[in-house]
Amino acid sequence: MPADTPHLHLLAKAPLAGQAKTRLTPLLGAEGAANAHAELVHHCVANACRALPAGHITLWTALNHTHPLFGELHEQFGVMLAPQPEGNLGDRIRHALNSACGPAMVMGSDCPSITSDLITTCAQQLSTHDVVMLPAEDGGYGLIGTHRDYPGLFELIPWGSDRVLSATRQRIEALGLHASYPATVWDVDRPQDWQRWQAIKSSV
């Protein structure tokens, strides 16, 4: 791999019933929603490992760092595991990006529209841009990558709202950074998102 190959950081909760993908509960039940989350995390890790060597991928765990799913993913794919720190989403993204020297990208584990090809594209774009980002249909983003620490990208952002993307893009412009937005993606949060994902799987 090229010397400037970025490290990819994946953020994932343990698939605990009642604590993971709770907005899918009306459709799938608490246990079914947790199982759906586990499927999404597995799919995310598999896609990541098609794009980058496992040694360039860290899965950052939450809720239960010793959950069997994480151990299975480590054994199957060889990705590294690390516990997510305390703090809001911005704190955790920034911590992951700065956990090692060199370019890095962070993505969630519930965004099956981020294919291995798209991860490769983002890695390539990061070699010629300060920031790479995949805007999400819900007003957030599915992936962000940087070369070095830009604290302003993650401060006072309305996490969990539909204004995350617009606020972050304003920060990018204010900081004078050169950014790439290769594609718009979508994640699985609501029952209709899960049904969309199931329809795509059944068509391939």
N, C-alpha and C. Protein backbone atom coordinates (compact mmCIF):
# COMPACT_ATOMS: atom_id res chain seq x y z
N MET A 1 0.85 -1.20 0.00
CA MET A 1 0.00 0.00 0.00
C MET A 1 0.88 1.25 0.00
N PRO A 2 0.41 2.34 -0.62
CA PRO A 2 1.18 3.59 -0.60
C PRO A 2 1.43 4.07 0.83
N ALA A 3 2.51 4.81 1.01
CA ALA A 3 2.87 5.26 2.35
C ALA A 3 1.81 6.15 2.96
N ASP A 4 1.04 6.85 2.12
CA ASP A 4 0.02 7.77 2.66
C ASP A 4 -1.36 7.14 2.70
N THR A 5 -1.43 5.80 2.66
CA THR A 5 -2.73 5.13 2.79
C THR A 5 -3.35 5.49 4.13
N PRO A 6 -4.57 6.03 4.13
CA PRO A 6 -5.17 6.45 5.41
C PRO A 6 -5.57 5.27 6.28
N HIS A 7 -5.64 5.53 7.57
CA HIS A 7 -6.20 4.56 8.51
C HIS A 7 -7.70 4.80 8.57
N LEU A 8 -8.47 3.74 8.58
CA LEU A 8 -9.93 3.85 8.63
C LEU A 8 -10.42 3.42 10.01
N HIS A 9 -11.18 4.29 10.64
CA HIS A 9 -11.73 4.04 11.97
C HIS A 9 -13.25 3.84 11.86
N LEU A 10 -13.73 2.73 12.37
CA LEU A 10 -15.16 2.41 12.34
C LEU A 10 -15.72 2.53 13.76
N LEU A 11 -16.84 3.22 13.91
CA LEU A 11 -17.48 3.38 15.22
C LEU A 11 -18.67 2.44 15.30
N ALA A 12 -18.72 1.62 16.36
CA ALA A 12 -19.80 0.64 16.46
C ALA A 12 -20.21 0.40 17.91
N LYS A 13 -21.50 0.40 18.13
CA LYS A 13 -22.04 -0.04 19.42
C LYS A 13 -22.13 -1.57 19.43
N ALA A 14 -22.10 -2.14 20.62
CA ALA A 14 -22.42 -3.55 20.75
C ALA A 14 -23.91 -3.74 20.44
N PRO A 15 -24.28 -4.86 19.82
CA PRO A 15 -25.69 -5.10 19.46
C PRO A 15 -26.52 -5.57 20.66
N LEU A 16 -26.80 -4.66 21.58
CA LEU A 16 -27.56 -4.98 22.78
C LEU A 16 -29.02 -4.60 22.59
N ALA A 17 -29.91 -5.54 22.85
CA ALA A 17 -31.34 -5.29 22.71
C ALA A 17 -31.76 -4.11 23.58
N GLY A 18 -32.49 -3.18 22.99
CA GLY A 18 -32.95 -2.01 23.70
C GLY A 18 -31.96 -0.87 23.74
N GLN A 19 -30.75 -1.10 23.19
CA GLN A 19 -29.73 -0.05 23.20
C GLN A 19 -29.11 0.20 21.83
N ALA A 20 -29.39 -0.67 20.87
CA ALA A 20 -28.84 -0.51 19.52
C ALA A 20 -29.98 -0.48 18.52
N LYS A 21 -29.94 0.50 17.64
CA LYS A 21 -30.95 0.65 16.58
C LYS A 21 -32.37 0.62 17.14
N THR A 22 -32.59 1.40 18.19
CA THR A 22 -33.88 1.37 18.87
C THR A 22 -35.02 1.87 17.98
N ARG A 23 -34.71 2.72 16.99
CA ARG A 23 -35.78 3.21 16.12
C ARG A 23 -36.29 2.14 15.16
N LEU A 24 -35.58 1.00 15.10
CA LEU A 24 -36.08 -0.13 14.31
C LEU A 24 -37.00 -1.05 15.12
N THR A 25 -37.10 -0.79 16.43
CA THR A 25 -37.88 -1.67 17.31
C THR A 25 -39.34 -1.82 16.89
N PRO A 26 -40.03 -0.75 16.45
CA PRO A 26 -41.43 -0.94 16.04
C PRO A 26 -41.60 -1.95 14.90
N LEU A 27 -40.59 -2.06 14.06
CA LEU A 27 -40.65 -3.00 12.94
C LEU A 27 -40.12 -4.38 13.31
N LEU A 28 -39.02 -4.43 14.06
CA LEU A 28 -38.30 -5.69 14.26
C LEU A 28 -38.34 -6.22 15.70
N GLY A 29 -38.81 -5.40 16.64
CA GLY A 29 -38.69 -5.78 18.04
C GLY A 29 -37.29 -5.46 18.55
N ALA A 30 -37.12 -5.43 19.86
CA ALA A 30 -35.83 -5.03 20.44
C ALA A 30 -34.72 -6.00 20.05
N GLU A 31 -34.97 -7.29 20.11
CA GLU A 31 -33.95 -8.28 19.76
C GLU A 31 -33.66 -8.24 18.27
N GLY A 32 -34.72 -8.09 17.48
CA GLY A 32 -34.53 -8.01 16.03
C GLY A 32 -33.74 -6.78 15.62
N ALA A 33 -33.98 -5.67 16.30
CA ALA A 33 -33.23 -4.45 16.00
C ALA A 33 -31.76 -4.63 16.34
N ALA A 34 -31.47 -5.30 17.45
CA ALA A 34 -30.09 -5.57 17.82
C ALA A 34 -29.42 -6.49 16.80
N ASN A 35 -30.15 -7.49 16.33
CA ASN A 35 -29.60 -8.38 15.31
C ASN A 35 -29.35 -7.63 14.00
N ALA A 36 -30.26 -6.72 13.67
CA ALA A 36 -30.08 -5.91 12.46
C ALA A 36 -28.81 -5.06 12.59
N HIS A 37 -28.59 -4.51 13.77
CA HIS A 37 -27.38 -3.72 14.00
C HIS A 37 -26.14 -4.58 13.83
N ALA A 38 -26.17 -5.79 14.37
CA ALA A 38 -25.02 -6.69 14.23
C ALA A 38 -24.74 -6.99 12.76
N GLU A 39 -25.79 -7.19 11.98
CA GLU A 39 -25.62 -7.44 10.54
C GLU A 39 -24.96 -6.24 9.85
N LEU A 40 -25.40 -5.04 10.21
CA LEU A 40 -24.84 -3.83 9.60
C LEU A 40 -23.36 -3.66 9.95
N VAL A 41 -23.02 -3.93 11.21
CA VAL A 41 -21.62 -3.80 11.62
C VAL A 41 -20.75 -4.80 10.86
N HIS A 42 -21.22 -6.03 10.76
CA HIS A 42 -20.46 -7.06 10.02
C HIS A 42 -20.28 -6.64 8.56
N HIS A 43 -21.34 -6.14 7.94
CA HIS A 43 -21.28 -5.71 6.55
C HIS A 43 -20.29 -4.57 6.40
N CYS A 44 -20.30 -3.64 7.35
CA CYS A 44 -19.40 -2.49 7.31
C CYS A 44 -17.94 -2.94 7.38
N VAL A 45 -17.63 -3.83 8.30
CA VAL A 45 -16.25 -4.30 8.46
C VAL A 45 -15.80 -5.06 7.21
N ALA A 46 -16.68 -5.90 6.67
CA ALA A 46 -16.34 -6.65 5.46
C ALA A 46 -16.04 -5.71 4.30
N ASN A 47 -16.86 -4.68 4.13
CA ASN A 47 -16.63 -3.69 3.07
C ASN A 47 -15.32 -2.97 3.27
N ALA A 48 -15.05 -2.57 4.50
CA ALA A 48 -13.81 -1.86 4.80
C ALA A 48 -12.60 -2.70 4.44
N CYS A 49 -12.67 -4.00 4.74
CA CYS A 49 -11.52 -4.88 4.50
C CYS A 49 -11.35 -5.22 3.02
N ARG A 50 -12.36 -4.96 2.22
CA ARG A 50 -12.19 -5.10 0.77
C ARG A 50 -11.44 -3.90 0.20
N ALA A 51 -11.53 -2.78 0.90
CA ALA A 51 -10.92 -1.54 0.41
C ALA A 51 -9.52 -1.32 0.95
N LEU A 52 -9.27 -1.73 2.19
CA LEU A 52 -8.00 -1.45 2.86
C LEU A 52 -7.52 -2.68 3.61
N PRO A 53 -6.21 -2.81 3.83
CA PRO A 53 -5.71 -3.92 4.65
C PRO A 53 -6.24 -3.83 6.08
N ALA A 54 -6.46 -4.97 6.70
CA ALA A 54 -6.99 -4.99 8.07
C ALA A 54 -6.10 -4.21 9.03
N GLY A 55 -4.81 -4.16 8.76
CA GLY A 55 -3.90 -3.42 9.61
C GLY A 55 -4.11 -1.92 9.57
N HIS A 56 -4.90 -1.46 8.60
CA HIS A 56 -5.23 -0.04 8.48
C HIS A 56 -6.64 0.25 8.98
N ILE A 57 -7.25 -0.69 9.70
CA ILE A 57 -8.64 -0.53 10.13
C ILE A 57 -8.75 -0.79 11.64
N THR A 58 -9.39 0.13 12.34
CA THR A 58 -9.68 -0.05 13.76
C THR A 58 -11.18 0.04 13.98
N LEU A 59 -11.73 -0.90 14.71
CA LEU A 59 -13.13 -0.89 15.10
C LEU A 59 -13.21 -0.38 16.53
N TRP A 60 -13.81 0.79 16.69
CA TRP A 60 -13.95 1.42 18.00
C TRP A 60 -15.29 1.01 18.61
N THR A 61 -15.24 0.35 19.76
CA THR A 61 -16.41 -0.29 20.34
C THR A 61 -17.07 0.58 21.41
N ALA A 62 -18.36 0.34 21.62
CA ALA A 62 -19.13 1.06 22.63
C ALA A 62 -20.17 0.13 23.26
N LEU A 63 -20.67 0.53 24.41
CA LEU A 63 -21.68 -0.17 25.21
C LEU A 63 -21.11 -1.39 25.93
N ASN A 64 -20.54 -2.33 25.18
CA ASN A 64 -19.92 -3.53 25.78
C ASN A 64 -18.70 -3.89 24.94
N HIS A 65 -17.54 -3.49 25.42
CA HIS A 65 -16.32 -3.65 24.62
C HIS A 65 -15.93 -5.11 24.43
N THR A 66 -16.46 -6.00 25.26
CA THR A 66 -16.11 -7.42 25.15
C THR A 66 -17.22 -8.25 24.52
N HIS A 67 -18.16 -7.60 23.86
CA HIS A 67 -19.25 -8.34 23.22
C HIS A 67 -18.69 -9.35 22.21
N PRO A 68 -19.26 -10.54 22.14
CA PRO A 68 -18.75 -11.57 21.22
C PRO A 68 -18.64 -11.11 19.77
N LEU A 69 -19.54 -10.23 19.32
CA LEU A 69 -19.48 -9.77 17.94
C LEU A 69 -18.12 -9.15 17.63
N PHE A 70 -17.61 -8.36 18.54
CA PHE A 70 -16.34 -7.68 18.29
C PHE A 70 -15.19 -8.68 18.21
N GLY A 71 -15.21 -9.66 19.08
CA GLY A 71 -14.19 -10.69 19.02
C GLY A 71 -14.26 -11.49 17.73
N GLU A 72 -15.47 -11.78 17.28
CA GLU A 72 -15.64 -12.53 16.03
C GLU A 72 -15.11 -11.72 14.85
N LEU A 73 -15.39 -10.43 14.82
CA LEU A 73 -14.91 -9.59 13.72
C LEU A 73 -13.39 -9.48 13.73
N HIS A 74 -12.82 -9.40 14.91
CA HIS A 74 -11.36 -9.37 15.01
C HIS A 74 -10.77 -10.67 14.49
N GLU A 75 -11.36 -11.80 14.88
CA GLU A 75 -10.84 -13.10 14.45
C GLU A 75 -11.03 -13.30 12.95
N GLN A 76 -12.19 -12.94 12.43
CA GLN A 76 -12.49 -13.18 11.01
C GLN A 76 -11.71 -12.28 10.08
N PHE A 77 -11.61 -11.01 10.43
CA PHE A 77 -11.03 -10.03 9.50
C PHE A 77 -9.66 -9.51 9.91
N GLY A 78 -9.30 -9.66 11.18
CA GLY A 78 -8.01 -9.17 11.63
C GLY A 78 -7.95 -7.69 11.95
N VAL A 79 -9.12 -7.03 12.02
CA VAL A 79 -9.13 -5.61 12.35
C VAL A 79 -8.77 -5.41 13.81
N MET A 80 -8.22 -4.23 14.11
CA MET A 80 -7.89 -3.90 15.49
C MET A 80 -9.13 -3.41 16.23
N LEU A 81 -9.15 -3.62 17.54
CA LEU A 81 -10.25 -3.18 18.38
C LEU A 81 -9.75 -2.15 19.37
N ALA A 82 -10.59 -1.16 19.65
CA ALA A 82 -10.26 -0.15 20.66
C ALA A 82 -11.57 0.38 21.25
N PRO A 83 -11.60 0.70 22.55
CA PRO A 83 -12.82 1.23 23.16
C PRO A 83 -13.00 2.71 22.83
N GLN A 84 -14.22 3.08 22.47
CA GLN A 84 -14.50 4.49 22.25
C GLN A 84 -14.37 5.25 23.58
N PRO A 85 -13.83 6.46 23.54
CA PRO A 85 -13.73 7.25 24.77
C PRO A 85 -15.08 7.87 25.12
N GLU A 86 -15.14 8.48 26.28
CA GLU A 86 -16.32 9.24 26.66
C GLU A 86 -16.40 10.52 25.82
N GLY A 87 -17.57 11.14 25.83
CA GLY A 87 -17.72 12.40 25.11
C GLY A 87 -18.77 12.30 24.02
N ASN A 88 -19.07 13.43 23.40
CA ASN A 88 -20.07 13.43 22.33
C ASN A 88 -19.46 12.85 21.05
N LEU A 89 -20.28 12.78 20.02
CA LEU A 89 -19.82 12.16 18.78
C LEU A 89 -18.61 12.88 18.21
N GLY A 90 -18.62 14.19 18.27
CA GLY A 90 -17.48 14.95 17.77
C GLY A 90 -16.20 14.63 18.52
N ASP A 91 -16.30 14.49 19.85
CA ASP A 91 -15.12 14.12 20.64
C ASP A 91 -14.58 12.77 20.21
N ARG A 92 -15.49 11.83 19.97
CA ARG A 92 -15.07 10.47 19.64
C ARG A 92 -14.49 10.39 18.22
N ILE A 93 -15.08 11.14 17.29
CA ILE A 93 -14.53 11.18 15.93
C ILE A 93 -13.13 11.79 15.96
N ARG A 94 -13.00 12.89 16.64
CA ARG A 94 -11.71 13.58 16.69
C ARG A 94 -10.65 12.70 17.36
N HIS A 95 -11.02 12.01 18.43
CA HIS A 95 -10.08 11.12 19.12
C HIS A 95 -9.59 10.03 18.18
N ALA A 96 -10.51 9.44 17.41
CA ALA A 96 -10.12 8.37 16.48
C ALA A 96 -9.19 8.92 15.40
N LEU A 97 -9.55 10.05 14.82
CA LEU A 97 -8.73 10.63 13.75
C LEU A 97 -7.32 10.94 14.22
N ASN A 98 -7.18 11.31 15.49
CA ASN A 98 -5.88 11.72 16.02
C ASN A 98 -5.17 10.62 16.79
N SER A 99 -5.67 9.39 16.70
CA SER A 99 -5.09 8.29 17.47
C SER A 99 -3.77 7.80 16.88
N ALA A 100 -3.46 8.21 15.67
CA ALA A 100 -2.20 7.85 15.04
C ALA A 100 -1.81 8.95 14.06
N CYS A 101 -0.56 8.99 13.68
CA CYS A 101 -0.10 10.00 12.74
C CYS A 101 -0.54 9.67 11.32
N GLY A 102 -0.65 10.69 10.50
CA GLY A 102 -0.97 10.48 9.10
C GLY A 102 -2.45 10.65 8.80
N PRO A 103 -2.83 10.51 7.53
CA PRO A 103 -4.23 10.68 7.13
C PRO A 103 -5.12 9.61 7.74
N ALA A 104 -6.36 9.98 8.02
CA ALA A 104 -7.28 9.03 8.65
C ALA A 104 -8.71 9.38 8.26
N MET A 105 -9.56 8.36 8.30
CA MET A 105 -10.98 8.52 8.01
C MET A 105 -11.78 7.83 9.11
N VAL A 106 -12.94 8.38 9.41
CA VAL A 106 -13.87 7.80 10.39
C VAL A 106 -15.22 7.61 9.72
N MET A 107 -15.83 6.45 9.94
CA MET A 107 -17.18 6.24 9.44
C MET A 107 -17.99 5.44 10.45
N GLY A 108 -19.30 5.61 10.38
CA GLY A 108 -20.19 4.83 11.22
C GLY A 108 -20.34 3.43 10.67
N SER A 109 -20.98 2.58 11.45
CA SER A 109 -21.11 1.17 11.03
C SER A 109 -22.52 0.84 10.55
N ASP A 110 -23.36 1.86 10.36
CA ASP A 110 -24.75 1.61 9.98
C ASP A 110 -25.09 2.24 8.64
N CYS A 111 -24.09 2.32 7.77
CA CYS A 111 -24.26 3.02 6.49
C CYS A 111 -23.89 2.07 5.34
N PRO A 112 -24.76 1.11 5.00
CA PRO A 112 -24.42 0.12 3.99
C PRO A 112 -24.26 0.70 2.59
N SER A 113 -24.65 1.96 2.40
CA SER A 113 -24.47 2.58 1.09
C SER A 113 -23.01 2.98 0.85
N ILE A 114 -22.17 2.93 1.89
CA ILE A 114 -20.74 3.18 1.70
C ILE A 114 -20.09 1.86 1.28
N THR A 115 -19.90 1.70 0.00
CA THR A 115 -19.33 0.48 -0.55
C THR A 115 -17.81 0.48 -0.43
N SER A 116 -17.20 -0.66 -0.69
CA SER A 116 -15.74 -0.72 -0.66
C SER A 116 -15.15 0.19 -1.73
N ASP A 117 -15.79 0.27 -2.89
CA ASP A 117 -15.30 1.17 -3.94
C ASP A 117 -15.34 2.62 -3.48
N LEU A 118 -16.39 2.98 -2.75
CA LEU A 118 -16.52 4.36 -2.27
C LEU A 118 -15.46 4.66 -1.21
N ILE A 119 -15.16 3.69 -0.36
CA ILE A 119 -14.09 3.87 0.62
C ILE A 119 -12.77 4.11 -0.10
N THR A 120 -12.51 3.33 -1.15
CA THR A 120 -11.29 3.50 -1.94
C THR A 120 -11.24 4.89 -2.56
N THR A 121 -12.37 5.34 -3.10
CA THR A 121 -12.44 6.69 -3.68
C THR A 121 -12.13 7.76 -2.64
N CYS A 122 -12.69 7.60 -1.44
CA CYS A 122 -12.43 8.58 -0.38
C CYS A 122 -10.95 8.60 -0.01
N ALA A 123 -10.34 7.43 0.06
CA ALA A 123 -8.91 7.36 0.38
C ALA A 123 -8.08 8.08 -0.69
N GLN A 124 -8.46 7.90 -1.94
CA GLN A 124 -7.75 8.55 -3.03
C GLN A 124 -7.96 10.06 -2.99
N GLN A 125 -9.19 10.49 -2.73
CA GLN A 125 -9.49 11.93 -2.67
C GLN A 125 -8.75 12.61 -1.51
N LEU A 126 -8.56 11.88 -0.43
CA LEU A 126 -7.89 12.46 0.73
C LEU A 126 -6.42 12.77 0.42
N SER A 127 -5.87 12.09 -0.57
CA SER A 127 -4.46 12.35 -0.91
C SER A 127 -4.27 13.72 -1.55
N THR A 128 -5.36 14.32 -2.05
CA THR A 128 -5.26 15.62 -2.73
C THR A 128 -6.15 16.69 -2.11
N HIS A 129 -6.79 16.38 -0.99
CA HIS A 129 -7.68 17.34 -0.31
C HIS A 129 -7.37 17.37 1.18
N ASP A 130 -7.70 18.47 1.83
CA ASP A 130 -7.55 18.57 3.28
C ASP A 130 -8.56 17.69 4.00
N VAL A 131 -9.77 17.65 3.44
CA VAL A 131 -10.87 16.93 4.07
C VAL A 131 -11.64 16.16 3.00
N VAL A 132 -12.07 14.96 3.32
CA VAL A 132 -13.01 14.23 2.47
C VAL A 132 -14.23 13.90 3.33
N MET A 133 -15.41 14.04 2.73
CA MET A 133 -16.64 13.81 3.49
C MET A 133 -17.71 13.20 2.58
N LEU A 134 -18.49 12.30 3.15
CA LEU A 134 -19.64 11.73 2.45
C LEU A 134 -20.91 12.27 3.10
N PRO A 135 -21.54 13.28 2.49
CA PRO A 135 -22.80 13.79 3.04
C PRO A 135 -23.86 12.69 3.09
N ALA A 136 -24.71 12.76 4.09
CA ALA A 136 -25.81 11.79 4.23
C ALA A 136 -27.14 12.46 3.93
N GLU A 137 -28.07 11.67 3.44
CA GLU A 137 -29.39 12.20 3.07
C GLU A 137 -30.11 12.83 4.25
N ASP A 138 -29.80 12.38 5.49
CA ASP A 138 -30.54 12.88 6.66
C ASP A 138 -29.93 14.15 7.25
N GLY A 139 -28.93 14.74 6.56
CA GLY A 139 -28.35 15.97 7.05
C GLY A 139 -27.11 15.79 7.89
N GLY A 140 -26.65 14.56 8.01
CA GLY A 140 -25.39 14.28 8.70
C GLY A 140 -24.33 13.91 7.68
N TYR A 141 -23.38 13.09 8.10
CA TYR A 141 -22.43 12.55 7.14
C TYR A 141 -22.03 11.14 7.55
N GLY A 142 -21.69 10.33 6.55
CA GLY A 142 -21.37 8.94 6.81
C GLY A 142 -19.90 8.66 6.99
N LEU A 143 -19.05 9.57 6.51
CA LEU A 143 -17.60 9.40 6.61
C LEU A 143 -16.96 10.78 6.57
N ILE A 144 -15.88 10.94 7.33
CA ILE A 144 -15.06 12.14 7.25
C ILE A 144 -13.61 11.73 7.38
N GLY A 145 -12.76 12.38 6.60
CA GLY A 145 -11.33 12.09 6.66
C GLY A 145 -10.53 13.37 6.66
N THR A 146 -9.41 13.35 7.37
CA THR A 146 -8.52 14.52 7.46
C THR A 146 -7.07 14.06 7.46
N HIS A 147 -6.17 15.03 7.27
CA HIS A 147 -4.74 14.76 7.36
C HIS A 147 -4.18 15.07 8.74
N ARG A 148 -4.79 16.07 9.40
CA ARG A 148 -4.30 16.47 10.72
C ARG A 148 -5.47 17.02 11.52
N ASP A 149 -5.19 17.45 12.72
CA ASP A 149 -6.24 17.86 13.64
C ASP A 149 -6.80 19.24 13.28
N TYR A 150 -8.11 19.30 13.10
CA TYR A 150 -8.82 20.56 12.89
C TYR A 150 -9.92 20.63 13.95
N PRO A 151 -9.61 21.11 15.16
CA PRO A 151 -10.59 21.10 16.25
C PRO A 151 -11.92 21.77 15.87
N GLY A 152 -11.85 22.83 15.08
CA GLY A 152 -13.06 23.57 14.74
C GLY A 152 -14.09 22.77 13.97
N LEU A 153 -13.66 21.67 13.34
CA LEU A 153 -14.62 20.85 12.58
C LEU A 153 -15.62 20.16 13.49
N PHE A 154 -15.28 20.00 14.76
CA PHE A 154 -16.10 19.17 15.64
C PHE A 154 -16.62 19.90 16.87
N GLU A 155 -16.36 21.19 16.96
CA GLU A 155 -16.80 21.95 18.12
C GLU A 155 -18.14 22.63 17.87
N LEU A 156 -19.03 22.55 18.86
CA LEU A 156 -20.34 23.22 18.82
C LEU A 156 -21.16 22.80 17.60
N ILE A 157 -21.04 21.55 17.19
CA ILE A 157 -21.86 21.00 16.11
C ILE A 157 -23.13 20.41 16.74
N PRO A 158 -24.31 20.63 16.15
CA PRO A 158 -25.55 20.09 16.73
C PRO A 158 -25.72 18.61 16.44
N TRP A 159 -24.90 17.78 17.11
CA TRP A 159 -24.92 16.34 16.86
C TRP A 159 -26.31 15.76 17.06
N GLY A 160 -26.66 14.82 16.18
CA GLY A 160 -27.96 14.17 16.28
C GLY A 160 -29.07 14.93 15.56
N SER A 161 -28.74 16.07 14.97
CA SER A 161 -29.74 16.86 14.25
C SER A 161 -29.50 16.77 12.75
N ASP A 162 -30.41 17.39 11.99
CA ASP A 162 -30.25 17.40 10.53
C ASP A 162 -29.40 18.58 10.07
N ARG A 163 -28.72 19.22 11.02
CA ARG A 163 -27.87 20.37 10.69
C ARG A 163 -26.38 20.06 10.83
N VAL A 164 -26.06 18.80 11.10
CA VAL A 164 -24.65 18.43 11.28
C VAL A 164 -23.84 18.71 10.02
N LEU A 165 -24.35 18.29 8.88
CA LEU A 165 -23.62 18.47 7.62
C LEU A 165 -23.43 19.94 7.30
N SER A 166 -24.50 20.72 7.37
CA SER A 166 -24.40 22.13 6.99
C SER A 166 -23.47 22.88 7.94
N ALA A 167 -23.53 22.57 9.24
CA ALA A 167 -22.65 23.23 10.20
C ALA A 167 -21.19 22.88 9.95
N THR A 168 -20.94 21.61 9.61
CA THR A 168 -19.57 21.17 9.37
C THR A 168 -19.03 21.77 8.08
N ARG A 169 -19.86 21.86 7.05
CA ARG A 169 -19.41 22.46 5.80
C ARG A 169 -19.09 23.95 6.01
N GLN A 170 -19.86 24.62 6.85
CA GLN A 170 -19.56 26.02 7.17
C GLN A 170 -18.20 26.14 7.85
N ARG A 171 -17.89 25.18 8.72
CA ARG A 171 -16.59 25.18 9.40
C ARG A 171 -15.46 24.95 8.39
N ILE A 172 -15.68 24.02 7.47
CA ILE A 172 -14.67 23.73 6.45
C ILE A 172 -14.36 24.99 5.65
N GLU A 173 -15.40 25.72 5.26
CA GLU A 173 -15.21 26.94 4.49
C GLU A 173 -14.52 28.02 5.33
N ALA A 174 -14.93 28.14 6.60
CA ALA A 174 -14.35 29.16 7.47
C ALA A 174 -12.87 28.91 7.73
N LEU A 175 -12.49 27.64 7.77
CA LEU A 175 -11.10 27.27 8.01
C LEU A 175 -10.26 27.32 6.73
N GLY A 176 -10.92 27.56 5.61
CA GLY A 176 -10.21 27.65 4.34
C GLY A 176 -9.68 26.32 3.85
N LEU A 177 -10.37 25.23 4.19
CA LEU A 177 -9.89 23.90 3.82
C LEU A 177 -10.45 23.47 2.46
N HIS A 178 -9.66 22.71 1.75
CA HIS A 178 -10.04 22.18 0.44
C HIS A 178 -10.67 20.81 0.66
N ALA A 179 -11.98 20.70 0.36
CA ALA A 179 -12.72 19.47 0.69
C ALA A 179 -13.27 18.79 -0.56
N SER A 180 -13.42 17.48 -0.45
CA SER A 180 -14.03 16.67 -1.50
C SER A 180 -15.26 15.97 -0.94
N TYR A 181 -16.32 15.93 -1.74
CA TYR A 181 -17.57 15.27 -1.34
C TYR A 181 -17.93 14.26 -2.44
N PRO A 182 -17.31 13.07 -2.44
CA PRO A 182 -17.44 12.15 -3.58
C PRO A 182 -18.86 11.65 -3.85
N ALA A 183 -19.70 11.52 -2.80
CA ALA A 183 -21.04 10.95 -3.02
C ALA A 183 -21.92 11.26 -1.81
N THR A 184 -23.23 11.21 -2.03
CA THR A 184 -24.18 11.31 -0.93
C THR A 184 -24.64 9.91 -0.56
N VAL A 185 -24.68 9.62 0.73
CA VAL A 185 -24.99 8.27 1.20
C VAL A 185 -26.21 8.30 2.13
N TRP A 186 -26.62 7.14 2.56
CA TRP A 186 -27.73 7.05 3.52
C TRP A 186 -27.42 5.95 4.53
N ASP A 187 -27.93 6.14 5.74
CA ASP A 187 -27.71 5.13 6.77
C ASP A 187 -29.03 4.50 7.18
N VAL A 188 -28.94 3.51 8.04
CA VAL A 188 -30.12 2.78 8.49
C VAL A 188 -30.46 3.22 9.91
N ASP A 189 -31.51 4.02 10.02
CA ASP A 189 -31.99 4.47 11.32
C ASP A 189 -33.45 4.10 11.55
N ARG A 190 -34.25 4.26 10.52
CA ARG A 190 -35.70 4.10 10.64
C ARG A 190 -36.16 2.82 9.93
N PRO A 191 -37.37 2.35 10.24
CA PRO A 191 -37.86 1.15 9.57
C PRO A 191 -37.79 1.21 8.05
N GLN A 192 -38.10 2.38 7.47
CA GLN A 192 -38.06 2.47 6.00
C GLN A 192 -36.64 2.35 5.47
N ASP A 193 -35.65 2.75 6.28
CA ASP A 193 -34.25 2.57 5.88
C ASP A 193 -33.88 1.09 5.84
N TRP A 194 -34.33 0.36 6.85
CA TRP A 194 -34.05 -1.08 6.89
C TRP A 194 -34.71 -1.78 5.70
N GLN A 195 -35.94 -1.40 5.41
CA GLN A 195 -36.63 -2.00 4.26
C GLN A 195 -35.92 -1.66 2.96
N ARG A 196 -35.39 -0.47 2.85
CA ARG A 196 -34.62 -0.07 1.67
C ARG A 196 -33.38 -0.95 1.52
N TRP A 197 -32.72 -1.20 2.62
CA TRP A 197 -31.51 -2.04 2.60
C TRP A 197 -31.86 -3.48 2.23
N GLN A 198 -32.97 -3.98 2.78
CA GLN A 198 -33.38 -5.35 2.46
C GLN A 198 -33.73 -5.50 0.99
N ALA A 199 -34.37 -4.48 0.44
CA ALA A 199 -34.73 -4.51 -1.00
C ALA A 199 -33.49 -4.53 -1.88
N ILE A 200 -32.47 -3.77 -1.48
CA ILE A 200 -31.22 -3.74 -2.25
C ILE A 200 -30.54 -5.11 -2.18
N LYS A 201 -30.50 -5.69 -0.99
CA LYS A 201 -29.85 -7.01 -0.83
C LYS A 201 -30.54 -8.07 -1.66
N SER A 202 -31.87 -8.02 -1.71
CA SER A 202 -32.61 -9.06 -2.43
C SER A 202 -32.52 -8.90 -3.94
N SER A 203 -32.07 -7.73 -4.38
CA SER A 203 -32.00 -7.48 -5.84
C SER A 203 -30.65 -7.82 -6.43
N VAL A 204 -29.69 -8.16 -5.59
CA VAL A 204 -28.34 -8.46 -6.10
C VAL A 204 -28.04 -9.94 -6.01
